[in-house]
Amino acid sequence: MAGEKDLNSLLKGLHPKLNPGTYVFITTKAPLDVDRSHIIFEFKEYEGVTHIISKEKAEELELEYAFVSSWITLNVHSSLEAIGLTAAIAGALTKNNISCNVVAAFYHDHLFVPENKTRLAMDVLEKITKHL
């Protein structure tokens, strides 16, 4: 189950996929009391719990949120020990004035980019793959 570590192989195999929907970041003092299927990401910090959920669900629950974003999955199985993938992606997006919040999971890396820059972010990611 080991993921890929070679940076060139990772970049060649990004295969970015835009997930449907719009996502937001929420912070609460305790985990949200909602069906787990609605939570994309949850991380406990000293100040509170960060959640990523759909904007639609946040509005339904009347929760305050920040950072309206699109969710892009990099469909390459990257190792949690891979070196340089996040830096390469962040660098390419930075050159195009696109902020990005990265969540590294066991199999894939997930990017949350501003909703209004989704198409540009996808273009940048696809160009990375083609230029190697």
Protein backbone atom coordinates (compact mmCIF):
# COMPACT_ATOMS: atom_id res chain seq x y z
CA MET A 1 0.00 0.00 0.00
CA ALA A 2 3.01 2.29 -0.10
CA GLY A 3 2.46 5.40 -2.15
CA GLU A 4 4.71 6.97 -4.75
CA LYS A 5 7.69 8.97 -3.47
CA ASP A 6 9.39 10.06 -6.71
CA LEU A 7 8.47 13.69 -7.38
CA ASN A 8 8.57 13.43 -11.20
CA SER A 9 6.32 10.36 -11.12
CA LEU A 10 3.94 12.14 -8.77
CA LEU A 11 3.73 15.22 -10.97
CA LYS A 12 3.26 13.16 -14.15
CA GLY A 13 0.46 11.21 -12.53
CA LEU A 14 -1.46 14.01 -10.79
CA HIS A 15 -4.72 13.43 -12.69
CA PRO A 16 -6.52 16.26 -10.86
CA LYS A 17 -10.24 15.66 -10.39
CA LEU A 18 -12.68 18.42 -9.54
CA ASN A 19 -15.20 17.14 -7.03
CA PRO A 20 -18.75 18.45 -7.47
CA GLY A 21 -20.03 21.09 -5.08
CA THR A 22 -18.80 24.05 -3.08
CA TYR A 23 -17.02 23.62 0.26
CA VAL A 24 -16.39 25.82 3.29
CA PHE A 25 -14.24 25.81 6.40
CA ILE A 26 -15.93 25.95 9.80
CA THR A 27 -14.52 26.05 13.29
CA THR A 28 -16.37 24.86 16.38
CA LYS A 29 -15.42 24.13 19.98
CA ALA A 30 -16.45 20.47 19.62
CA PRO A 31 -16.99 18.13 16.68
CA LEU A 32 -20.17 18.85 14.71
CA ASP A 33 -23.18 16.80 15.70
CA VAL A 34 -24.06 15.76 12.15
CA ASP A 35 -24.04 12.57 10.14
CA ARG A 36 -20.34 11.80 9.48
CA SER A 37 -21.07 11.48 5.75
CA HIS A 38 -21.37 15.30 5.62
CA ILE A 39 -17.87 15.92 6.96
CA ILE A 40 -15.12 15.99 4.35
CA PHE A 41 -12.36 16.80 6.83
CA GLU A 42 -12.05 17.36 10.56
CA PHE A 43 -8.99 18.32 12.57
CA LYS A 44 -8.70 19.14 16.25
CA GLU A 45 -6.62 22.16 17.17
CA TYR A 46 -6.08 23.81 20.50
CA GLU A 47 -8.46 26.66 19.62
CA GLY A 48 -11.23 24.45 18.26
CA VAL A 49 -12.17 21.88 15.64
CA THR A 50 -11.78 22.71 11.95
CA HIS A 51 -14.32 21.11 9.63
CA ILE A 52 -14.65 21.16 5.87
CA ILE A 53 -18.22 20.56 4.74
CA SER A 54 -20.38 21.51 1.80
CA LYS A 55 -21.54 25.11 1.72
CA GLU A 56 -25.07 23.79 1.27
CA LYS A 57 -24.88 21.79 4.53
CA ALA A 58 -23.32 24.72 6.41
CA GLU A 59 -26.16 26.99 5.32
CA GLU A 60 -28.75 24.34 6.18
CA LEU A 61 -27.26 24.11 9.70
CA GLU A 62 -26.96 27.93 9.89
CA LEU A 63 -23.23 27.72 10.61
CA GLU A 64 -20.79 30.57 10.10
CA TYR A 65 -18.13 29.67 7.58
CA ALA A 66 -15.06 30.97 5.80
CA PHE A 67 -13.20 30.29 2.58
CA VAL A 68 -15.71 29.29 -0.06
CA SER A 69 -13.82 26.78 -2.14
CA SER A 70 -13.72 24.03 -4.69
CA TRP A 71 -12.26 20.63 -3.84
CA ILE A 72 -9.69 19.11 -6.19
CA THR A 73 -8.35 15.61 -5.60
CA LEU A 74 -4.94 14.68 -6.96
CA ASN A 75 -5.53 11.11 -8.10
CA VAL A 76 -1.97 9.94 -7.69
CA HIS A 77 -1.31 7.70 -4.68
CA SER A 78 1.32 9.81 -2.99
CA SER A 79 3.33 8.52 -0.07
CA LEU A 80 2.96 10.41 3.18
CA GLU A 81 6.78 10.55 3.05
CA ALA A 82 6.98 12.03 -0.45
CA ILE A 83 9.15 15.11 -0.68
CA GLY A 84 8.31 18.18 -2.75
CA LEU A 85 4.80 17.50 -4.04
CA THR A 86 3.10 20.12 -1.89
CA ALA A 87 5.87 22.62 -2.64
CA ALA A 88 5.64 22.04 -6.40
CA ILE A 89 1.86 22.41 -6.41
CA ALA A 90 1.93 25.46 -4.13
CA GLY A 91 4.62 27.09 -6.27
CA ALA A 92 2.68 26.64 -9.49
CA LEU A 93 -0.54 27.93 -7.94
CA THR A 94 1.30 30.86 -6.33
CA LYS A 95 2.63 31.96 -9.74
CA ASN A 96 -1.01 32.22 -10.80
CA ASN A 97 -2.15 34.07 -7.66
CA ILE A 98 -4.23 31.11 -6.38
CA SER A 99 -4.38 30.35 -2.68
CA CYS A 100 -4.63 26.71 -1.72
CA ASN A 101 -5.33 24.71 1.41
CA VAL A 102 -3.89 21.19 1.17
CA VAL A 103 -5.18 18.17 3.06
CA ALA A 104 -2.95 15.11 2.80
CA ALA A 105 -4.82 11.88 3.33
CA PHE A 106 -3.45 8.32 3.16
CA TYR A 107 -4.01 7.78 -0.58
CA HIS A 108 -4.33 11.24 -2.09
CA ASP A 109 -3.74 14.93 -1.58
CA HIS A 110 -6.76 17.20 -1.68
CA LEU A 111 -6.66 20.88 -2.61
CA PHE A 112 -9.21 23.47 -1.58
CA VAL A 113 -8.93 26.49 -3.83
CA PRO A 114 -11.06 29.65 -4.04
CA GLU A 115 -14.25 28.85 -5.92
CA ASN A 116 -13.74 31.77 -8.29
CA LYS A 117 -10.31 30.40 -9.35
CA THR A 118 -11.31 26.77 -9.88
CA ARG A 119 -10.90 26.64 -13.66
CA LEU A 120 -7.53 28.40 -13.52
CA ALA A 121 -6.33 26.01 -10.77
CA MET A 122 -7.36 22.99 -12.84
CA ASP A 123 -5.55 24.43 -15.88
CA VAL A 124 -2.38 24.99 -13.83
CA LEU A 125 -2.48 21.44 -12.45
CA GLU A 126 -3.06 19.93 -15.89
CA LYS A 127 -0.13 21.93 -17.31
CA ILE A 128 2.19 20.58 -14.60
CA THR A 129 1.46 17.04 -15.76
CA LYS A 130 1.92 17.84 -19.44
CA HIS A 131 5.25 19.67 -19.04
CA LEU A 132 7.13 16.70 -17.62
